[in-house]
Protein backbone atom coordinates (compact mmCIF):
# COMPACT_ATOMS: atom_id res chain seq x y z
CA MET A 1 -27.75 6.53 -8.35
CA GLY A 2 -25.83 3.81 -10.01
CA MET A 3 -22.43 2.78 -9.64
CA PRO A 4 -20.50 4.11 -12.69
CA LEU A 5 -18.80 1.68 -14.91
CA GLU A 6 -15.23 2.00 -16.22
CA LEU A 7 -13.72 0.58 -19.44
CA ASN A 8 -10.18 -0.63 -18.86
CA THR A 9 -7.59 -1.61 -21.42
CA MET A 10 -4.72 -2.34 -19.22
CA ILE A 11 -4.45 -4.03 -15.66
CA VAL A 12 -2.95 -1.55 -13.09
CA THR A 13 -2.15 -3.85 -10.11
CA LYS A 14 -0.60 -1.43 -7.54
CA GLY A 15 1.09 -4.46 -6.24
CA ARG A 16 -2.09 -5.93 -4.72
CA GLU A 17 -2.33 -8.90 -7.06
CA SER A 18 -2.41 -12.52 -5.43
CA ARG A 19 -0.94 -15.46 -7.16
CA LEU A 20 -3.35 -18.34 -7.62
CA GLU A 21 -1.23 -20.67 -9.57
CA GLU A 22 2.20 -20.17 -11.10
CA ASN A 23 1.19 -17.76 -13.95
CA LEU A 24 -2.51 -17.17 -12.85
CA PHE A 25 -3.33 -14.20 -10.71
CA SER A 26 -6.43 -12.48 -9.08
CA LEU A 27 -6.70 -8.77 -8.50
CA GLU A 28 -9.58 -6.84 -6.79
CA LYS A 29 -10.42 -3.50 -7.85
CA GLU A 30 -12.93 -0.82 -6.19
CA GLY A 31 -16.02 -0.14 -8.40
CA TYR A 32 -17.26 -1.94 -11.52
CA ARG A 33 -14.99 -2.35 -14.32
CA ILE A 34 -14.93 -3.98 -17.78
CA TYR A 35 -12.04 -5.27 -19.48
CA PRO A 36 -11.37 -7.19 -22.49
CA LEU A 37 -11.42 -11.06 -22.03
CA GLU A 38 -9.04 -13.43 -23.71
CA ILE A 39 -7.05 -10.98 -25.56
CA PRO A 40 -3.42 -9.67 -24.50
CA VAL A 41 -3.39 -6.44 -22.28
CA GLU A 42 -0.63 -4.74 -20.74
CA VAL A 43 0.02 -5.18 -17.13
CA ARG A 44 1.38 -2.18 -15.17
CA LYS A 45 2.13 -1.72 -11.32
CA THR A 46 0.86 1.95 -11.67
CA LYS A 47 -1.20 3.86 -14.51
CA ASP A 48 1.99 5.87 -15.51
CA GLY A 49 4.60 3.11 -14.74
CA ASP A 50 6.42 0.78 -17.03
CA VAL A 51 4.71 -2.22 -18.61
CA SER A 52 5.62 -5.30 -16.46
CA GLY A 53 3.99 -7.71 -18.77
CA GLN A 54 1.04 -8.99 -20.69
CA ALA A 55 -1.74 -10.98 -19.60
CA LEU A 56 -5.13 -12.79 -20.90
CA ILE A 57 -7.89 -11.92 -18.63
CA LYS A 58 -9.81 -15.35 -18.01
CA LYS A 59 -12.69 -14.15 -15.63
CA LEU A 60 -14.28 -10.97 -14.62
CA GLU A 61 -16.63 -10.82 -11.73
CA LEU A 62 -18.55 -7.63 -10.62
CA VAL A 63 -19.84 -8.07 -7.12
CA ASP A 64 -20.53 -5.83 -4.17
CA SER A 65 -19.27 -2.55 -5.85
CA LYS A 66 -16.08 -4.51 -6.76
CA THR A 67 -14.44 -6.04 -9.73
CA ILE A 68 -12.45 -9.26 -9.39
CA LEU A 69 -10.12 -10.18 -12.14
CA THR A 70 -8.64 -13.49 -12.94
CA TYR A 71 -5.72 -13.17 -15.37
CA GLN A 72 -2.90 -15.29 -16.85
CA LEU A 73 0.43 -13.60 -17.31
CA ILE A 74 1.63 -14.56 -20.86
CA ALA A 75 4.90 -12.38 -21.18
CA LEU A 76 6.95 -10.94 -18.39
CA LYS A 77 9.12 -7.68 -19.00
CA SER A 78 12.32 -7.91 -17.05
CA THR A 79 12.56 -4.93 -14.48
CA ASN A 80 16.22 -4.46 -14.17
């Protein structure tokens, strides 16, 4: 049986993102997920949480039943 494929229209980090450069981040998700590339998507810490910013997904890698996103934060919402 194949791995199900999920289509995502926002990035949910659950606090697991890692910073590569000043506004460039990497995030690993379980399973295979497809995201739109190079168009602004919302970034949230949890699925139902507040929007923490907007990002452009630069790279999408599907390996070993995981999805690795590389994204650039383009707008940050204040959290206070």
